[in-house]
Amino acid sequence: MIQTVLSTLYEVIVPLSIPVLAGALLYRYQKLDTKPLLTLYLYFLSPAIILDTLAHAEISYDDIYLTLAFALLNLLVLWVVASGLGRLLKSSAADRAGLTLISALTNSVNYGLPLVLLAFGQAGLDKASVYVISQMIIANTVGVYFAARSSFSVRSAVKSVFSLPAIYAAILALILRSFHLHLPAEVERGVTMAAGAYSPVVLAILGAQMMKVGTMPAVKEGQSVFWTGLVMRLVGGPLLALAVLTLLGVTGTLRSVLFILASMPVAVNAVVLAERFDASPSLVSRCIMWTTLASFAALPVLISAISG
């Protein structure tokens, strides 16, 4: 077991850590501005990898149904547990909203996809594609609801979803698959090339964002909520995901991929929502940094356990 964990750490986490470390150092010493990179990621690299993966993914309709069922049921369970813990702690409405964001939104897009590709290969990436699309939609609908509380608007949430280029890339990929069509060879090569740039760029962004959070002044208030969020994401999230996967009868590579994606650290866009709707952004920021750091040790153990 220990040998397997160390092997996973070396083969998966070490390659991932190089662009993360580069992003952190560039932010620290060169004041790297991540806004242009985020625009590149959101409007070009993300649609490219979704189109490239979904158009060629070897995934059955049963896998799609199980993935969507897992995404929704797991979200519901996390929401209920986080809400209950927030009330038990008698925390403020803002802290409860932040705790729900920490528990429910995982970094499955700009950390999970590169990790799955390294850990499970192209077959794993194929299985992950549908889940990642569902998480993008959830973050921009239910995630907005979690953060906004009373100011939530269905219209603005739907508008937010359809402002994501990745959604249109997914729709195009599904049309191509449904009618057994293909992009022109030259266009397809360009899309594949752009998809190849996805992992290093988004991991460098993650490193820069972690360094940014790490330089923020420490906040002593709300320690109980902070530790609850940390334990919920690092321990509760994987355990609840495993229970839901068992309940749905998910097996094989799909089970491994969904389990790992649901066990990822807090999503970076959680703090964007927290800042926008005043849902304890400092709490969410700290949990993003510490769950991400902890994941470098925790994920090799989880990958080894689920693959064994």
Protein backbone atom coordinates (compact mmCIF):
# COMPACT_ATOMS: atom_id res chain seq x y z
CA MET A 1 0.00 0.00 0.00
CA ILE A 2 2.75 2.44 0.99
CA GLN A 3 4.69 1.61 -2.17
CA THR A 4 1.57 2.24 -4.28
CA VAL A 5 0.96 5.59 -2.59
CA LEU A 6 4.58 6.66 -3.12
CA SER A 7 4.41 5.53 -6.74
CA THR A 8 1.22 7.58 -7.29
CA LEU A 9 2.81 10.55 -5.56
CA TYR A 10 5.81 10.35 -7.88
CA GLU A 11 3.96 9.58 -11.12
CA VAL A 12 0.94 11.88 -10.68
CA ILE A 13 1.49 14.59 -8.08
CA VAL A 14 5.10 15.48 -8.99
CA PRO A 15 4.24 16.27 -12.65
CA LEU A 16 1.19 18.27 -11.52
CA SER A 17 3.19 20.22 -8.94
CA ILE A 18 5.68 21.62 -11.49
CA PRO A 19 3.28 24.07 -13.24
CA VAL A 20 1.60 24.80 -9.88
CA LEU A 21 4.97 25.73 -8.38
CA ALA A 22 5.86 27.76 -11.49
CA GLY A 23 2.62 29.74 -11.19
CA ALA A 24 3.23 30.38 -7.49
CA LEU A 25 6.80 31.59 -8.07
CA LEU A 26 5.77 33.77 -11.02
CA TYR A 27 3.12 35.43 -8.86
CA ARG A 28 5.55 35.87 -5.96
CA TYR A 29 8.49 37.29 -7.90
CA GLN A 30 7.04 38.59 -11.18
CA LYS A 31 3.59 39.68 -9.94
CA LEU A 32 1.93 37.43 -12.53
CA ASP A 33 -1.46 38.83 -13.53
CA THR A 34 -3.83 35.86 -13.80
CA LYS A 35 -6.74 37.78 -15.35
CA PRO A 36 -5.52 37.41 -18.97
CA LEU A 37 -4.74 33.75 -18.29
CA LEU A 38 -8.21 33.23 -16.82
CA THR A 39 -9.70 34.75 -19.96
CA LEU A 40 -7.56 32.43 -22.10
CA TYR A 41 -8.62 29.45 -20.00
CA LEU A 42 -12.32 30.31 -19.92
CA TYR A 43 -12.84 31.33 -23.53
CA PHE A 44 -10.34 29.16 -25.39
CA LEU A 45 -8.62 26.31 -23.54
CA SER A 46 -11.66 25.07 -21.62
CA PRO A 47 -13.93 24.84 -24.71
CA ALA A 48 -11.06 23.22 -26.63
CA ILE A 49 -10.51 20.38 -24.15
CA ILE A 50 -14.26 19.81 -23.71
CA LEU A 51 -14.82 19.66 -27.48
CA ASP A 52 -11.76 17.48 -28.08
CA THR A 53 -12.63 15.07 -25.26
CA LEU A 54 -16.40 14.79 -25.72
CA ALA A 55 -16.18 14.45 -29.50
CA HIS A 56 -13.95 11.38 -29.18
CA ALA A 57 -14.84 10.07 -25.72
CA GLU A 58 -15.56 6.37 -25.41
CA ILE A 59 -18.45 6.75 -22.98
CA SER A 60 -21.81 4.98 -22.95
CA TYR A 61 -25.23 6.47 -22.27
CA ASP A 62 -25.34 4.42 -19.05
CA ASP A 63 -22.14 6.18 -17.94
CA ILE A 64 -23.72 9.54 -18.75
CA TYR A 65 -26.88 8.77 -16.75
CA LEU A 66 -24.89 7.46 -13.78
CA THR A 67 -22.57 10.48 -13.87
CA LEU A 68 -25.46 12.96 -13.86
CA ALA A 69 -27.29 11.01 -11.14
CA PHE A 70 -24.15 11.00 -9.00
CA ALA A 71 -23.48 14.71 -9.55
CA LEU A 72 -27.00 15.68 -8.46
CA LEU A 73 -27.39 13.23 -5.56
CA ASN A 74 -23.91 13.96 -4.18
CA LEU A 75 -24.62 17.69 -4.39
CA LEU A 76 -27.89 17.23 -2.48
CA VAL A 77 -26.19 15.19 0.27
CA LEU A 78 -23.35 17.72 0.65
CA TRP A 79 -25.84 20.59 0.79
CA VAL A 80 -27.92 18.91 3.51
CA VAL A 81 -24.88 17.99 5.63
CA ALA A 82 -23.22 21.42 5.27
CA SER A 83 -26.47 23.22 6.12
CA GLY A 84 -26.94 21.02 9.18
CA LEU A 85 -23.39 21.64 10.38
CA GLY A 86 -23.79 25.39 9.87
CA ARG A 87 -26.91 25.44 12.04
CA LEU A 88 -25.27 23.19 14.64
CA LEU A 89 -22.38 25.67 14.92
CA LYS A 90 -24.88 28.55 15.12
CA SER A 91 -22.84 30.36 12.49
CA SER A 92 -23.94 33.48 10.63
CA ALA A 93 -25.83 33.30 7.33
CA ALA A 94 -22.67 34.37 5.48
CA ASP A 95 -20.58 31.66 7.17
CA ARG A 96 -23.24 29.03 6.42
CA ALA A 97 -23.21 30.07 2.78
CA GLY A 98 -19.41 29.89 2.73
CA LEU A 99 -19.44 26.46 4.37
CA THR A 100 -21.87 25.19 1.74
CA LEU A 101 -19.65 26.49 -1.07
CA ILE A 102 -16.61 24.83 0.53
CA SER A 103 -18.43 21.52 0.86
CA ALA A 104 -20.20 21.40 -2.50
CA LEU A 105 -17.88 23.01 -5.07
CA THR A 106 -14.76 20.98 -5.91
CA ASN A 107 -11.84 21.91 -8.13
CA SER A 108 -12.70 19.24 -10.70
CA VAL A 109 -12.04 21.45 -13.73
CA ASN A 110 -8.60 23.08 -13.49
CA TYR A 111 -7.08 20.53 -11.09
CA GLY A 112 -9.26 17.45 -11.48
CA LEU A 113 -8.96 17.02 -15.25
CA PRO A 114 -5.13 17.07 -15.37
CA LEU A 115 -5.04 14.76 -12.34
CA VAL A 116 -7.47 12.26 -13.89
CA LEU A 117 -5.53 12.29 -17.16
CA LEU A 118 -2.28 11.44 -15.37
CA ALA A 119 -3.83 8.92 -12.97
CA PHE A 120 -6.27 7.09 -15.27
CA GLY A 121 -5.17 8.00 -18.80
CA GLN A 122 -7.42 8.96 -21.72
CA ALA A 123 -10.11 6.49 -20.61
CA GLY A 124 -10.35 8.36 -17.31
CA LEU A 125 -10.50 11.72 -19.04
CA ASP A 126 -13.36 10.44 -21.23
CA LYS A 127 -15.32 9.42 -18.13
CA ALA A 128 -14.55 12.75 -16.43
CA SER A 129 -15.80 14.97 -19.26
CA VAL A 130 -19.53 14.68 -18.50
CA TYR A 131 -19.00 15.24 -14.77
CA VAL A 132 -16.91 18.34 -15.42
CA ILE A 133 -19.61 19.85 -17.64
CA SER A 134 -22.18 19.15 -14.91
CA GLN A 135 -19.94 20.87 -12.35
CA MET A 136 -19.63 23.95 -14.56
CA ILE A 137 -23.42 24.16 -14.74
CA ILE A 138 -23.83 23.51 -11.00
CA ALA A 139 -21.29 26.19 -10.06
CA ASN A 140 -23.12 28.78 -12.15
CA THR A 141 -26.64 27.88 -11.00
CA VAL A 142 -26.82 26.09 -7.65
CA GLY A 143 -23.47 27.59 -6.63
CA VAL A 144 -24.87 31.07 -7.20
CA TYR A 145 -27.91 30.11 -5.13
CA PHE A 146 -25.72 28.88 -2.26
CA ALA A 147 -23.72 32.12 -2.24
CA ALA A 148 -26.48 34.61 -2.99
CA ARG A 149 -29.13 33.22 -0.63
CA SER A 150 -32.03 35.72 -0.80
CA SER A 151 -30.73 37.58 -3.87
CA PHE A 152 -30.70 34.51 -6.15
CA SER A 153 -32.25 34.96 -9.60
CA VAL A 154 -33.05 32.00 -11.85
CA ARG A 155 -32.83 34.25 -14.90
CA SER A 156 -29.34 35.51 -14.04
CA ALA A 157 -28.19 31.97 -13.20
CA VAL A 158 -29.35 30.61 -16.56
CA LYS A 159 -27.75 33.59 -18.30
CA SER A 160 -24.51 32.86 -16.42
CA VAL A 161 -24.50 29.25 -17.63
CA PHE A 162 -25.00 30.20 -21.26
CA SER A 163 -22.21 32.77 -21.05
CA LEU A 164 -19.76 29.86 -20.67
CA PRO A 165 -18.13 28.92 -24.00
CA ALA A 166 -17.56 25.38 -22.70
CA ILE A 167 -21.32 24.79 -22.75
CA TYR A 168 -21.46 25.54 -26.47
CA ALA A 169 -18.41 23.34 -27.04
CA ALA A 170 -20.23 20.50 -25.27
CA ILE A 171 -23.35 21.05 -27.37
CA LEU A 172 -21.28 21.02 -30.58
CA ALA A 173 -19.52 17.82 -29.49
CA LEU A 174 -22.85 16.12 -28.77
CA ILE A 175 -24.20 17.16 -32.18
CA LEU A 176 -21.09 15.77 -33.89
CA ARG A 177 -21.42 12.49 -31.98
CA SER A 178 -25.17 12.18 -32.57
CA PHE A 179 -24.89 12.58 -36.34
CA HIS A 180 -21.53 10.74 -36.65
CA LEU A 181 -19.86 13.87 -37.98
CA HIS A 182 -16.27 15.06 -37.65
CA LEU A 183 -14.53 18.41 -37.71
CA PRO A 184 -12.25 19.05 -40.70
CA ALA A 185 -8.87 17.39 -40.04
CA GLU A 186 -7.01 20.71 -39.93
CA VAL A 187 -9.49 22.21 -37.46
CA GLU A 188 -9.41 19.07 -35.33
CA ARG A 189 -5.62 19.20 -35.10
CA GLY A 190 -5.81 22.82 -33.96
CA VAL A 191 -8.41 21.97 -31.30
CA THR A 192 -6.29 19.04 -30.09
CA MET A 193 -3.24 21.31 -29.89
CA ALA A 194 -5.16 23.85 -27.80
CA ALA A 195 -6.50 21.07 -25.56
CA GLY A 196 -2.91 19.99 -24.91
CA ALA A 197 -2.13 23.44 -23.49
CA TYR A 198 -5.01 23.23 -20.99
CA SER A 199 -3.30 21.40 -18.12
CA PRO A 200 -0.09 23.45 -17.70
CA VAL A 201 -1.88 26.79 -18.03
CA VAL A 202 -4.70 26.08 -15.56
CA LEU A 203 -2.30 24.52 -13.05
CA ALA A 204 -0.06 27.59 -13.25
CA ILE A 205 -3.15 29.74 -12.60
CA LEU A 206 -3.96 27.55 -9.59
CA GLY A 207 -0.43 28.03 -8.22
CA ALA A 208 -0.64 31.81 -8.61
CA GLN A 209 -4.05 31.90 -6.92
CA MET A 210 -2.77 29.81 -4.02
CA MET A 211 0.18 32.17 -3.54
CA LYS A 212 -2.22 35.12 -3.62
CA VAL A 213 -4.38 33.56 -0.89
CA GLY A 214 -1.26 32.68 1.12
CA THR A 215 -0.16 36.32 1.25
CA MET A 216 -3.51 37.49 2.66
CA PRO A 217 -3.52 38.56 6.35
CA ALA A 218 -4.57 35.84 8.79
CA VAL A 219 -8.12 35.99 10.15
CA LYS A 220 -8.74 34.53 13.61
CA GLU A 221 -12.53 34.79 13.59
CA GLY A 222 -14.68 31.85 12.55
CA GLN A 223 -12.10 29.16 13.35
CA SER A 224 -14.77 26.55 14.12
CA VAL A 225 -16.39 27.06 10.71
CA PHE A 226 -12.96 26.99 9.03
CA TRP A 227 -11.99 23.66 10.60
CA THR A 228 -15.44 22.24 9.90
CA GLY A 229 -15.12 23.22 6.23
CA LEU A 230 -11.62 21.73 6.07
CA VAL A 231 -12.72 18.39 7.54
CA MET A 232 -15.89 18.37 5.47
CA ARG A 233 -14.01 18.76 2.18
CA LEU A 234 -11.04 16.51 2.98
CA VAL A 235 -12.82 13.74 4.89
CA GLY A 236 -16.58 14.14 4.63
CA GLY A 237 -16.57 14.76 0.87
CA PRO A 238 -14.77 11.50 -0.05
CA LEU A 239 -16.80 9.41 2.43
CA LEU A 240 -20.13 10.78 1.24
CA ALA A 241 -19.09 10.38 -2.41
CA LEU A 242 -18.18 6.75 -1.77
CA ALA A 243 -21.57 6.15 -0.14
CA VAL A 244 -23.44 7.72 -3.08
CA LEU A 245 -21.40 5.75 -5.64
CA THR A 246 -22.16 2.52 -3.76
CA LEU A 247 -25.85 3.41 -3.57
CA LEU A 248 -25.97 3.99 -7.35
CA GLY A 249 -23.99 0.83 -8.07
CA VAL A 250 -21.25 2.64 -10.00
CA THR A 251 -18.26 0.38 -10.75
CA GLY A 252 -14.98 0.25 -12.67
CA THR A 253 -13.09 3.23 -14.03
CA LEU A 254 -16.17 5.47 -13.79
CA ARG A 255 -16.37 4.82 -10.04
CA SER A 256 -12.69 5.65 -9.55
CA VAL A 257 -12.86 8.83 -11.64
CA LEU A 258 -16.05 10.17 -10.02
CA PHE A 259 -14.72 9.40 -6.55
CA ILE A 260 -11.48 11.30 -7.15
CA LEU A 261 -13.23 14.27 -8.79
CA ALA A 262 -15.65 14.48 -5.85
CA SER A 263 -12.68 14.35 -3.43
CA MET A 264 -10.86 17.32 -4.95
CA PRO A 265 -10.09 20.45 -2.88
CA VAL A 266 -12.37 23.48 -2.84
CA ALA A 267 -13.01 25.02 -6.26
CA VAL A 268 -11.27 28.31 -7.01
CA ASN A 269 -14.50 29.81 -8.36
CA ALA A 270 -16.04 29.31 -4.89
CA VAL A 271 -14.18 32.40 -3.67
CA VAL A 272 -15.34 34.35 -6.74
CA LEU A 273 -18.95 33.62 -5.72
CA ALA A 274 -18.16 34.29 -2.06
CA GLU A 275 -16.69 37.72 -2.86
CA ARG A 276 -19.53 38.59 -5.21
CA PHE A 277 -22.27 37.77 -2.68
CA ASP A 278 -20.40 38.38 0.62
CA ALA A 279 -20.45 34.71 1.65
CA SER A 280 -17.38 34.82 3.96
CA PRO A 281 -14.74 35.15 1.20
CA SER A 282 -11.83 35.04 3.70
CA LEU A 283 -13.11 31.72 5.06
CA VAL A 284 -13.50 30.27 1.56
CA SER A 285 -10.06 31.57 0.47
CA ARG A 286 -8.27 29.93 3.39
CA CYS A 287 -10.07 26.64 2.80
CA ILE A 288 -9.09 26.71 -0.89
CA MET A 289 -5.43 27.10 0.00
CA TRP A 290 -5.29 24.52 2.79
CA THR A 291 -7.42 21.87 1.09
CA THR A 292 -5.30 22.23 -2.05
CA LEU A 293 -2.05 21.87 -0.09
CA ALA A 294 -3.46 18.89 1.82
CA SER A 295 -4.63 17.29 -1.42
CA PHE A 296 -1.03 16.75 -2.57
CA ALA A 297 -0.74 14.20 0.25
CA ALA A 298 -4.35 13.00 0.43
CA LEU A 299 -5.06 12.35 -3.25
CA PRO A 300 -2.27 9.77 -3.80
CA VAL A 301 -3.73 7.79 -0.88
CA LEU A 302 -7.27 8.03 -2.30
CA ILE A 303 -6.13 7.13 -5.83
CA SER A 304 -4.24 4.10 -4.53
CA ALA A 305 -7.19 3.02 -2.37
CA ILE A 306 -9.85 3.33 -5.10
CA SER A 307 -7.62 1.72 -7.73
CA GLY A 308 -6.54 -1.18 -5.53
